[in-house]
């Protein structure tokens, strides 16, 4: 079992920055790729960024150049640095972890990010 806990969300003005963290605990050695997703009411959850255990990254087009995903495997923590935030970035942000067992993955409880224009 893996537990994921997000932190760092909040209210920020457009153009501002926030840094989200996702702390993993439990059987962390089975975690492979981790990622950030976001969801607004009435819409599907969407991918924001993912990072492999070795550090390879991929981003949604909407956040490229503004968001940076990173992870510290020694601390079992993943981060999302969000710069130049826009009102359309307002959402609940979820941490996700894939494991080396293809049928098993985990989600955090989510953290609210609100960007005021």
C-alpha atoms as a PDB file:
ATOM      1  CA  UNK A   1       0.000   0.000   0.000  1.00  0.00           C
ATOM      2  CA  UNK A   2       1.075   3.536  -0.793  1.00  0.00           C
ATOM      3  CA  UNK A   3      -0.301   6.704   0.744  1.00  0.00           C
ATOM      4  CA  UNK A   4      -0.031  10.051  -1.049  1.00  0.00           C
ATOM      5  CA  UNK A   5      -0.570  13.389   0.689  1.00  0.00           C
ATOM      6  CA  UNK A   6      -0.603  16.661  -1.221  1.00  0.00           C
ATOM      7  CA  UNK A   7       0.121  20.076   0.238  1.00  0.00           C
ATOM      8  CA  UNK A   8       0.843  23.592  -0.923  1.00  0.00           C
ATOM      9  CA  UNK A   9      -2.421  24.584  -2.544  1.00  0.00           C
ATOM     10  CA  UNK A  10      -4.097  27.897  -1.878  1.00  0.00           C
ATOM     11  CA  UNK A  11      -5.283  31.190  -3.289  1.00  0.00           C
ATOM     12  CA  UNK A  12      -2.971  33.236  -5.493  1.00  0.00           C
ATOM     13  CA  UNK A  13      -3.344  36.139  -7.874  1.00  0.00           C
ATOM     14  CA  UNK A  14      -2.907  35.676 -11.595  1.00  0.00           C
ATOM     15  CA  UNK A  15       0.771  35.813 -12.490  1.00  0.00           C
ATOM     16  CA  UNK A  16       1.783  34.435  -9.124  1.00  0.00           C
ATOM     17  CA  UNK A  17       3.425  31.173  -8.134  1.00  0.00           C
ATOM     18  CA  UNK A  18       2.694  28.153  -5.971  1.00  0.00           C
ATOM     19  CA  UNK A  19       4.611  25.000  -5.186  1.00  0.00           C
ATOM     20  CA  UNK A  20       2.725  21.782  -4.601  1.00  0.00           C
ATOM     21  CA  UNK A  21       4.228  18.819  -2.789  1.00  0.00           C
ATOM     22  CA  UNK A  22       3.189  15.178  -2.728  1.00  0.00           C
ATOM     23  CA  UNK A  23       4.628  13.052   0.040  1.00  0.00           C
ATOM     24  CA  UNK A  24       4.508   9.289  -0.439  1.00  0.00           C
ATOM     25  CA  UNK A  25       4.619   6.766   2.385  1.00  0.00           C
ATOM     26  CA  UNK A  26       4.178   3.054   2.791  1.00  0.00           C
ATOM     27  CA  UNK A  27       5.601   0.708   0.155  1.00  0.00           C
ATOM     28  CA  UNK A  28       7.326   3.504  -1.771  1.00  0.00           C
ATOM     29  CA  UNK A  29       9.844   1.191  -3.460  1.00  0.00           C
ATOM     30  CA  UNK A  30       7.090  -0.033  -5.794  1.00  0.00           C
ATOM     31  CA  UNK A  31       6.349   3.475  -7.128  1.00  0.00           C
ATOM     32  CA  UNK A  32       7.326   4.000 -10.761  1.00  0.00           C
ATOM     33  CA  UNK A  33       5.954   7.035 -12.589  1.00  0.00           C
ATOM     34  CA  UNK A  34       4.328   9.824 -10.589  1.00  0.00           C
ATOM     35  CA  UNK A  35       2.204  12.644 -11.845  1.00  0.00           C
ATOM     36  CA  UNK A  36      -0.027  15.597 -11.188  1.00  0.00           C
ATOM     37  CA  UNK A  37      -3.574  15.761 -12.476  1.00  0.00           C
ATOM     38  CA  UNK A  38      -6.235  18.413 -12.018  1.00  0.00           C
ATOM     39  CA  UNK A  39      -9.997  18.553 -12.111  1.00  0.00           C
ATOM     40  CA  UNK A  40     -12.637  21.258 -12.156  1.00  0.00           C
ATOM     41  CA  UNK A  41     -16.293  20.575 -11.346  1.00  0.00           C
ATOM     42  CA  UNK A  42     -18.155  19.060 -14.265  1.00  0.00           C
ATOM     43  CA  UNK A  43     -15.027  18.183 -16.203  1.00  0.00           C
ATOM     44  CA  UNK A  44     -12.837  15.124 -16.477  1.00  0.00           C
ATOM     45  CA  UNK A  45      -9.632  14.890 -14.536  1.00  0.00           C
ATOM     46  CA  UNK A  46      -6.752  15.905 -16.818  1.00  0.00           C
ATOM     47  CA  UNK A  47      -3.048  15.249 -16.870  1.00  0.00           C
ATOM     48  CA  UNK A  48      -0.815  18.163 -15.881  1.00  0.00           C
ATOM     49  CA  UNK A  49       2.624  16.562 -15.778  1.00  0.00           C
ATOM     50  CA  UNK A  50       4.298  13.222 -15.147  1.00  0.00           C
ATOM     51  CA  UNK A  51       7.787  12.195 -14.115  1.00  0.00           C
ATOM     52  CA  UNK A  52       9.429   8.790 -14.236  1.00  0.00           C
ATOM     53  CA  UNK A  53      11.569   7.414 -11.459  1.00  0.00           C
ATOM     54  CA  UNK A  54      14.643   8.313 -13.521  1.00  0.00           C
ATOM     55  CA  UNK A  55      13.439  11.888 -14.030  1.00  0.00           C
ATOM     56  CA  UNK A  56      11.962  11.875 -17.514  1.00  0.00           C
ATOM     57  CA  UNK A  57       9.117  14.374 -17.714  1.00  0.00           C
ATOM     58  CA  UNK A  58       6.099  15.141 -19.839  1.00  0.00           C
ATOM     59  CA  UNK A  59       3.722  18.102 -19.648  1.00  0.00           C
ATOM     60  CA  UNK A  60       0.315  19.102 -20.886  1.00  0.00           C
ATOM     61  CA  UNK A  61       0.616  21.755 -23.591  1.00  0.00           C
ATOM     62  CA  UNK A  62      -1.330  24.202 -21.443  1.00  0.00           C
ATOM     63  CA  UNK A  63       1.351  24.278 -18.731  1.00  0.00           C
ATOM     64  CA  UNK A  64       4.566  23.901 -20.733  1.00  0.00           C
ATOM     65  CA  UNK A  65       7.019  26.655 -19.904  1.00  0.00           C
ATOM     66  CA  UNK A  66       5.136  27.609 -16.731  1.00  0.00           C
ATOM     67  CA  UNK A  67       5.082  24.460 -14.576  1.00  0.00           C
ATOM     68  CA  UNK A  68       7.983  22.264 -13.546  1.00  0.00           C
ATOM     69  CA  UNK A  69       7.600  18.779 -12.106  1.00  0.00           C
ATOM     70  CA  UNK A  70      10.351  17.207 -10.031  1.00  0.00           C
ATOM     71  CA  UNK A  71      10.829  14.438  -7.498  1.00  0.00           C
ATOM     72  CA  UNK A  72      13.224  13.542  -4.740  1.00  0.00           C
ATOM     73  CA  UNK A  73      13.292   9.763  -4.547  1.00  0.00           C
ATOM     74  CA  UNK A  74      15.303   9.806  -1.330  1.00  0.00           C
ATOM     75  CA  UNK A  75      12.552  11.858   0.343  1.00  0.00           C
ATOM     76  CA  UNK A  76       9.717  10.056  -1.478  1.00  0.00           C
ATOM     77  CA  UNK A  77       8.347  13.436  -2.472  1.00  0.00           C
ATOM     78  CA  UNK A  78       7.208  14.937  -5.755  1.00  0.00           C
ATOM     79  CA  UNK A  79       6.814  18.622  -6.471  1.00  0.00           C
ATOM     80  CA  UNK A  80       5.041  20.880  -8.924  1.00  0.00           C
ATOM     81  CA  UNK A  81       6.393  24.400  -9.240  1.00  0.00           C
ATOM     82  CA  UNK A  82       3.710  26.523 -10.851  1.00  0.00           C
ATOM     83  CA  UNK A  83       4.682  29.951 -12.181  1.00  0.00           C
ATOM     84  CA  UNK A  84       2.762  32.608 -14.071  1.00  0.00           C
ATOM     85  CA  UNK A  85      -0.502  31.119 -12.890  1.00  0.00           C
ATOM     86  CA  UNK A  86      -3.665  31.846 -14.842  1.00  0.00           C
ATOM     87  CA  UNK A  87      -7.306  31.754 -13.810  1.00  0.00           C
ATOM     88  CA  UNK A  88      -7.777  28.642 -15.943  1.00  0.00           C
ATOM     89  CA  UNK A  89      -5.309  26.817 -13.713  1.00  0.00           C
ATOM     90  CA  UNK A  90      -7.901  26.907 -10.931  1.00  0.00           C
ATOM     91  CA  UNK A  91      -8.696  23.308 -10.029  1.00  0.00           C
ATOM     92  CA  UNK A  92      -8.217  20.575  -7.485  1.00  0.00           C
ATOM     93  CA  UNK A  93      -4.764  19.110  -8.063  1.00  0.00           C
ATOM     94  CA  UNK A  94      -4.218  15.418  -7.430  1.00  0.00           C
ATOM     95  CA  UNK A  95      -1.050  13.448  -6.971  1.00  0.00           C
ATOM     96  CA  UNK A  96      -0.901  10.070  -8.694  1.00  0.00           C
ATOM     97  CA  UNK A  97       1.513   7.174  -8.542  1.00  0.00           C
ATOM     98  CA  UNK A  98       1.852   4.227 -10.870  1.00  0.00           C
ATOM     99  CA  UNK A  99       3.603   1.139  -9.591  1.00  0.00           C
ATOM    100  CA  UNK A 100       5.630  -1.636 -11.093  1.00  0.00           C
ATOM    101  CA  UNK A 101       2.479  -3.745 -10.795  1.00  0.00           C
ATOM    102  CA  UNK A 102       0.409  -2.629 -13.779  1.00  0.00           C
ATOM    103  CA  UNK A 103      -2.981  -2.971 -12.139  1.00  0.00           C
ATOM    104  CA  UNK A 104      -2.111  -0.966  -9.047  1.00  0.00           C
ATOM    105  CA  UNK A 105      -2.003   2.803  -8.791  1.00  0.00           C
ATOM    106  CA  UNK A 106      -2.736   5.388  -6.130  1.00  0.00           C
ATOM    107  CA  UNK A 107      -4.266   8.847  -5.780  1.00  0.00           C
ATOM    108  CA  UNK A 108      -3.900  11.538  -3.176  1.00  0.00           C
ATOM    109  CA  UNK A 109      -6.854  13.366  -1.672  1.00  0.00           C
ATOM    110  CA  UNK A 110      -6.301  16.521  -3.719  1.00  0.00           C
ATOM    111  CA  UNK A 111      -5.395  20.108  -2.928  1.00  0.00           C
ATOM    112  CA  UNK A 112      -7.305  23.166  -4.128  1.00  0.00           C
ATOM    113  CA  UNK A 113      -5.539  25.782  -6.226  1.00  0.00           C
ATOM    114  CA  UNK A 114      -7.472  28.973  -6.867  1.00  0.00           C
ATOM    115  CA  UNK A 115      -6.106  31.702  -9.119  1.00  0.00           C
ATOM    116  CA  UNK A 116      -7.870  35.049  -8.939  1.00  0.00           C
ATOM    117  CA  UNK A 117      -7.817  37.335 -11.950  1.00  0.00           C
END
